[in-house]
């Protein structure tokens, strides 16, 4: 497990990479994109949702879904938590299955 000092360095590097190019998320083959994704995974979901959401790529999401991965596995793939993936799905027009609370008949 990484210590606080390492995580601080990773967060700083990731923010510098993100801030240097507003369109970094569009080029999924670039070294910048790959490094940001790697840093996000190393940080283990400790970033804010808005920063984490930028790590999710629709093409990669669709590919993972087509390969039969669960949402939990897809979230892990992007280095985000399941709630962040759900927020991304809602913002990008993917159906969110609402579950009804179980009734407790006594």
N, C-alpha and C. Protein backbone atom coordinates (compact mmCIF):
# COMPACT_ATOMS: atom_id res chain seq x y z
N UNK A 1 0.84 -1.18 0.00
CA UNK A 1 0.00 0.00 0.00
C UNK A 1 0.89 1.25 0.00
N UNK A 2 0.48 2.21 -0.78
CA UNK A 2 1.27 3.44 -0.91
C UNK A 2 1.11 4.31 0.33
N UNK A 3 2.18 5.02 0.65
CA UNK A 3 2.11 5.94 1.79
C UNK A 3 1.59 7.30 1.33
N UNK A 4 1.32 8.16 2.28
CA UNK A 4 0.74 9.47 2.00
C UNK A 4 1.62 10.32 1.09
N UNK A 5 2.93 10.21 1.29
CA UNK A 5 3.86 10.99 0.50
C UNK A 5 3.80 10.58 -0.98
N UNK A 6 3.76 9.27 -1.23
CA UNK A 6 3.65 8.78 -2.61
C UNK A 6 2.34 9.24 -3.24
N UNK A 7 1.26 9.12 -2.50
CA UNK A 7 -0.04 9.53 -3.04
C UNK A 7 -0.07 11.02 -3.36
N UNK A 8 0.57 11.80 -2.53
CA UNK A 8 0.63 13.25 -2.77
C UNK A 8 1.35 13.53 -4.10
N UNK A 9 2.44 12.83 -4.34
CA UNK A 9 3.20 12.99 -5.58
C UNK A 9 2.36 12.57 -6.77
N UNK A 10 1.66 11.45 -6.64
CA UNK A 10 0.81 10.95 -7.73
C UNK A 10 -0.33 11.92 -8.04
N UNK A 11 -0.97 12.44 -7.00
CA UNK A 11 -2.07 13.40 -7.21
C UNK A 11 -1.56 14.66 -7.92
N UNK A 12 -0.41 15.14 -7.48
CA UNK A 12 0.17 16.34 -8.10
C UNK A 12 0.48 16.08 -9.57
N UNK A 13 1.11 14.94 -9.86
CA UNK A 13 1.43 14.61 -11.24
C UNK A 13 0.16 14.50 -12.09
N UNK A 14 -0.84 13.83 -11.54
CA UNK A 14 -2.08 13.64 -12.30
C UNK A 14 -2.75 14.98 -12.59
N UNK A 15 -2.83 15.84 -11.61
CA UNK A 15 -3.44 17.15 -11.83
C UNK A 15 -2.66 17.98 -12.84
N UNK A 16 -1.34 17.91 -12.81
CA UNK A 16 -0.53 18.62 -13.80
C UNK A 16 -0.81 18.10 -15.21
N UNK A 17 -0.92 16.78 -15.34
CA UNK A 17 -1.20 16.18 -16.65
C UNK A 17 -2.59 16.58 -17.15
N UNK A 18 -3.57 16.55 -16.27
CA UNK A 18 -4.95 16.91 -16.65
C UNK A 18 -5.03 18.38 -17.02
N UNK A 19 -4.41 19.25 -16.23
CA UNK A 19 -4.49 20.69 -16.47
C UNK A 19 -3.71 21.16 -17.69
N UNK A 20 -2.73 20.38 -18.11
CA UNK A 20 -1.90 20.78 -19.25
C UNK A 20 -2.62 20.62 -20.59
N UNK A 21 -3.70 19.81 -20.61
CA UNK A 21 -4.41 19.58 -21.87
C UNK A 21 -5.88 19.29 -21.57
N UNK A 22 -6.74 20.24 -21.90
CA UNK A 22 -8.17 20.06 -21.62
C UNK A 22 -8.79 18.91 -22.41
N UNK A 23 -8.18 18.52 -23.51
CA UNK A 23 -8.73 17.47 -24.36
C UNK A 23 -8.04 16.12 -24.19
N UNK A 24 -7.30 15.96 -23.10
CA UNK A 24 -6.54 14.73 -22.89
C UNK A 24 -7.43 13.49 -22.94
N UNK A 25 -8.66 13.59 -22.50
CA UNK A 25 -9.54 12.43 -22.40
C UNK A 25 -9.98 11.91 -23.77
N UNK A 26 -9.85 12.73 -24.80
CA UNK A 26 -10.29 12.34 -26.14
C UNK A 26 -9.29 11.43 -26.84
N UNK A 27 -8.03 11.46 -26.45
CA UNK A 27 -7.01 10.65 -27.10
C UNK A 27 -6.62 9.48 -26.20
N UNK A 28 -7.39 8.40 -26.29
CA UNK A 28 -7.21 7.26 -25.38
C UNK A 28 -5.93 6.47 -25.66
N UNK A 29 -5.25 6.79 -26.74
CA UNK A 29 -4.00 6.09 -27.06
C UNK A 29 -2.76 6.87 -26.64
N UNK A 30 -2.96 8.09 -26.15
CA UNK A 30 -1.81 8.93 -25.80
C UNK A 30 -1.17 8.46 -24.50
N UNK A 31 0.11 8.77 -24.38
CA UNK A 31 0.84 8.46 -23.13
C UNK A 31 0.22 9.22 -21.96
N UNK A 32 -0.21 10.46 -22.21
CA UNK A 32 -0.83 11.27 -21.16
C UNK A 32 -2.06 10.56 -20.61
N UNK A 33 -2.95 10.14 -21.49
CA UNK A 33 -4.19 9.46 -21.08
C UNK A 33 -3.86 8.21 -20.27
N UNK A 34 -2.95 7.41 -20.77
CA UNK A 34 -2.59 6.16 -20.10
C UNK A 34 -1.98 6.41 -18.73
N UNK A 35 -1.17 7.45 -18.61
CA UNK A 35 -0.54 7.76 -17.33
C UNK A 35 -1.59 8.28 -16.33
N UNK A 36 -2.51 9.11 -16.79
CA UNK A 36 -3.56 9.61 -15.91
C UNK A 36 -4.41 8.45 -15.40
N UNK A 37 -4.74 7.53 -16.28
CA UNK A 37 -5.52 6.35 -15.90
C UNK A 37 -4.75 5.51 -14.87
N UNK A 38 -3.47 5.32 -15.12
CA UNK A 38 -2.61 4.56 -14.21
C UNK A 38 -2.56 5.21 -12.83
N UNK A 39 -2.39 6.52 -12.82
CA UNK A 39 -2.34 7.25 -11.54
C UNK A 39 -3.67 7.16 -10.80
N UNK A 40 -4.76 7.25 -11.53
CA UNK A 40 -6.08 7.13 -10.92
C UNK A 40 -6.26 5.77 -10.26
N UNK A 41 -5.79 4.73 -10.91
CA UNK A 41 -5.88 3.38 -10.34
C UNK A 41 -5.01 3.27 -9.09
N UNK A 42 -3.82 3.85 -9.14
CA UNK A 42 -2.93 3.80 -7.98
C UNK A 42 -3.54 4.51 -6.78
N UNK A 43 -4.25 5.60 -7.05
CA UNK A 43 -4.84 6.37 -5.97
C UNK A 43 -6.06 5.69 -5.36
N UNK A 44 -6.58 4.71 -6.05
CA UNK A 44 -7.62 3.87 -5.47
C UNK A 44 -8.93 4.54 -5.12
N UNK A 45 -9.41 5.42 -5.97
CA UNK A 45 -10.73 5.99 -5.76
C UNK A 45 -10.80 7.07 -4.70
N UNK A 46 -9.72 7.69 -4.36
CA UNK A 46 -9.73 8.73 -3.33
C UNK A 46 -9.95 10.12 -3.92
N UNK A 47 -10.12 10.21 -5.24
CA UNK A 47 -10.33 11.50 -5.89
C UNK A 47 -11.80 11.87 -5.84
N UNK A 48 -12.11 13.10 -6.10
CA UNK A 48 -13.48 13.55 -6.18
C UNK A 48 -14.13 12.94 -7.42
N UNK A 49 -15.48 12.77 -7.36
CA UNK A 49 -16.20 12.17 -8.48
C UNK A 49 -15.92 12.88 -9.80
N UNK A 50 -15.89 14.22 -9.78
CA UNK A 50 -15.72 14.94 -11.04
C UNK A 50 -14.37 14.63 -11.69
N UNK A 51 -13.34 14.46 -10.90
CA UNK A 51 -12.03 14.11 -11.45
C UNK A 51 -12.04 12.66 -11.89
N UNK A 52 -12.66 11.81 -11.10
CA UNK A 52 -12.72 10.39 -11.44
C UNK A 52 -13.50 10.16 -12.72
N UNK A 53 -14.60 10.88 -12.90
CA UNK A 53 -15.43 10.70 -14.08
C UNK A 53 -14.62 10.92 -15.35
N UNK A 54 -13.68 11.83 -15.31
CA UNK A 54 -12.88 12.10 -16.51
C UNK A 54 -11.98 10.92 -16.87
N UNK A 55 -11.84 9.97 -15.97
CA UNK A 55 -11.03 8.78 -16.26
C UNK A 55 -11.81 7.73 -17.05
N UNK A 56 -13.14 7.88 -17.12
CA UNK A 56 -13.98 6.89 -17.80
C UNK A 56 -14.11 7.25 -19.26
N UNK A 57 -13.81 6.29 -20.10
CA UNK A 57 -13.86 6.47 -21.55
C UNK A 57 -15.01 5.63 -22.09
N UNK A 58 -15.89 6.25 -22.88
CA UNK A 58 -17.08 5.55 -23.36
C UNK A 58 -16.75 4.35 -24.23
N UNK A 59 -15.77 4.48 -25.07
CA UNK A 59 -15.39 3.35 -25.93
C UNK A 59 -14.92 2.16 -25.09
N UNK A 60 -14.08 2.44 -24.11
CA UNK A 60 -13.60 1.37 -23.23
C UNK A 60 -14.73 0.82 -22.36
N UNK A 61 -15.64 1.68 -21.94
CA UNK A 61 -16.81 1.23 -21.17
C UNK A 61 -17.61 0.23 -21.99
N UNK A 62 -17.93 0.61 -23.23
CA UNK A 62 -18.72 -0.28 -24.10
C UNK A 62 -18.00 -1.60 -24.36
N UNK A 63 -16.70 -1.53 -24.57
CA UNK A 63 -15.91 -2.73 -24.80
C UNK A 63 -15.98 -3.66 -23.58
N UNK A 64 -15.80 -3.11 -22.39
CA UNK A 64 -15.87 -3.90 -21.17
C UNK A 64 -17.25 -4.51 -20.99
N UNK A 65 -18.30 -3.73 -21.26
CA UNK A 65 -19.67 -4.21 -21.12
C UNK A 65 -19.94 -5.34 -22.12
N UNK A 66 -19.47 -5.17 -23.36
CA UNK A 66 -19.66 -6.19 -24.39
C UNK A 66 -18.95 -7.49 -24.04
N UNK A 67 -17.86 -7.37 -23.30
CA UNK A 67 -17.12 -8.56 -22.87
C UNK A 67 -17.74 -9.22 -21.65
N UNK A 68 -18.87 -8.66 -21.17
CA UNK A 68 -19.61 -9.28 -20.09
C UNK A 68 -19.16 -8.92 -18.68
N UNK A 69 -18.36 -7.89 -18.56
CA UNK A 69 -17.90 -7.48 -17.23
C UNK A 69 -19.03 -6.82 -16.44
N UNK A 70 -19.01 -7.01 -15.14
CA UNK A 70 -19.99 -6.37 -14.27
C UNK A 70 -19.62 -4.91 -14.09
N UNK A 71 -20.57 -4.11 -13.57
CA UNK A 71 -20.27 -2.71 -13.31
C UNK A 71 -19.16 -2.58 -12.27
N UNK A 72 -19.13 -3.47 -11.33
CA UNK A 72 -18.07 -3.45 -10.32
C UNK A 72 -16.71 -3.66 -10.99
N UNK A 73 -16.63 -4.63 -11.90
CA UNK A 73 -15.37 -4.90 -12.61
C UNK A 73 -14.98 -3.73 -13.51
N UNK A 74 -15.96 -3.12 -14.15
CA UNK A 74 -15.68 -1.97 -15.02
C UNK A 74 -15.17 -0.80 -14.19
N UNK A 75 -15.79 -0.56 -13.04
CA UNK A 75 -15.33 0.52 -12.16
C UNK A 75 -13.88 0.27 -11.74
N UNK A 76 -13.55 -0.97 -11.39
CA UNK A 76 -12.18 -1.31 -11.01
C UNK A 76 -11.23 -1.09 -12.18
N UNK A 77 -11.67 -1.43 -13.39
CA UNK A 77 -10.86 -1.25 -14.59
C UNK A 77 -10.44 0.22 -14.75
N UNK A 78 -11.39 1.13 -14.50
CA UNK A 78 -11.10 2.56 -14.63
C UNK A 78 -10.49 3.17 -13.38
N UNK A 79 -10.42 2.41 -12.32
CA UNK A 79 -9.85 2.93 -11.08
C UNK A 79 -10.77 3.89 -10.35
N UNK A 80 -12.08 3.67 -10.50
CA UNK A 80 -13.08 4.50 -9.83
C UNK A 80 -13.98 3.61 -8.99
N UNK A 81 -14.80 4.22 -8.14
CA UNK A 81 -15.74 3.41 -7.37
C UNK A 81 -17.05 3.26 -8.15
N UNK A 82 -17.90 2.36 -7.67
CA UNK A 82 -19.14 2.07 -8.39
C UNK A 82 -20.08 3.27 -8.46
N UNK A 83 -20.10 4.08 -7.42
CA UNK A 83 -20.95 5.28 -7.42
C UNK A 83 -20.53 6.25 -8.52
N UNK A 84 -19.23 6.42 -8.69
CA UNK A 84 -18.73 7.30 -9.75
C UNK A 84 -19.13 6.77 -11.12
N UNK A 85 -19.01 5.45 -11.31
CA UNK A 85 -19.42 4.86 -12.59
C UNK A 85 -20.91 5.07 -12.82
N UNK A 86 -21.71 4.94 -11.78
CA UNK A 86 -23.15 5.15 -11.90
C UNK A 86 -23.44 6.60 -12.30
N UNK A 87 -22.77 7.55 -11.68
CA UNK A 87 -22.95 8.96 -12.03
C UNK A 87 -22.58 9.18 -13.49
N UNK A 88 -21.46 8.61 -13.93
CA UNK A 88 -21.04 8.73 -15.33
C UNK A 88 -22.09 8.14 -16.26
N UNK A 89 -22.61 6.96 -15.90
CA UNK A 89 -23.63 6.31 -16.73
C UNK A 89 -24.88 7.18 -16.85
N UNK A 90 -25.31 7.77 -15.74
CA UNK A 90 -26.48 8.65 -15.77
C UNK A 90 -26.23 9.86 -16.66
N UNK A 91 -25.06 10.47 -16.54
CA UNK A 91 -24.73 11.66 -17.34
C UNK A 91 -24.60 11.34 -18.83
N UNK A 92 -24.29 10.10 -19.15
CA UNK A 92 -24.08 9.73 -20.54
C UNK A 92 -25.23 8.94 -21.14
N UNK A 93 -26.38 8.96 -20.47
CA UNK A 93 -27.60 8.39 -21.03
C UNK A 93 -27.75 6.89 -20.92
N UNK A 94 -26.98 6.25 -20.08
CA UNK A 94 -27.13 4.81 -19.88
C UNK A 94 -28.20 4.56 -18.83
N UNK A 95 -29.03 3.58 -19.10
CA UNK A 95 -30.13 3.26 -18.20
C UNK A 95 -29.61 2.80 -16.85
N UNK A 96 -30.20 3.37 -15.83
CA UNK A 96 -29.88 2.96 -14.46
C UNK A 96 -31.09 2.20 -13.94
N UNK A 97 -30.87 0.96 -13.62
CA UNK A 97 -31.96 0.11 -13.14
C UNK A 97 -32.28 0.48 -11.70
N UNK A 98 -33.51 0.91 -11.49
CA UNK A 98 -33.95 1.27 -10.15
C UNK A 98 -34.51 0.01 -9.49
N UNK A 99 -34.08 -0.24 -8.28
CA UNK A 99 -34.59 -1.39 -7.55
C UNK A 99 -35.58 -0.91 -6.50
N UNK A 100 -36.65 -1.67 -6.36
CA UNK A 100 -37.65 -1.33 -5.37
C UNK A 100 -37.21 -1.87 -4.03
N UNK A 101 -37.46 -1.11 -2.97
CA UNK A 101 -37.13 -1.64 -1.65
C UNK A 101 -37.97 -2.87 -1.36
N UNK A 102 -37.36 -3.83 -0.70
CA UNK A 102 -38.09 -5.04 -0.36
C UNK A 102 -39.11 -4.72 0.72
N UNK A 103 -40.31 -5.25 0.52
CA UNK A 103 -41.33 -5.05 1.55
C UNK A 103 -41.18 -6.17 2.58
N UNK A 104 -41.40 -5.80 3.78
CA UNK A 104 -41.28 -6.76 4.88
C UNK A 104 -42.69 -7.05 5.41
N UNK A 105 -43.24 -8.15 4.99
CA UNK A 105 -44.56 -8.54 5.47
C UNK A 105 -44.42 -9.23 6.82
N UNK A 106 -45.11 -8.73 7.80
CA UNK A 106 -45.03 -9.34 9.13
C UNK A 106 -46.33 -9.97 9.52
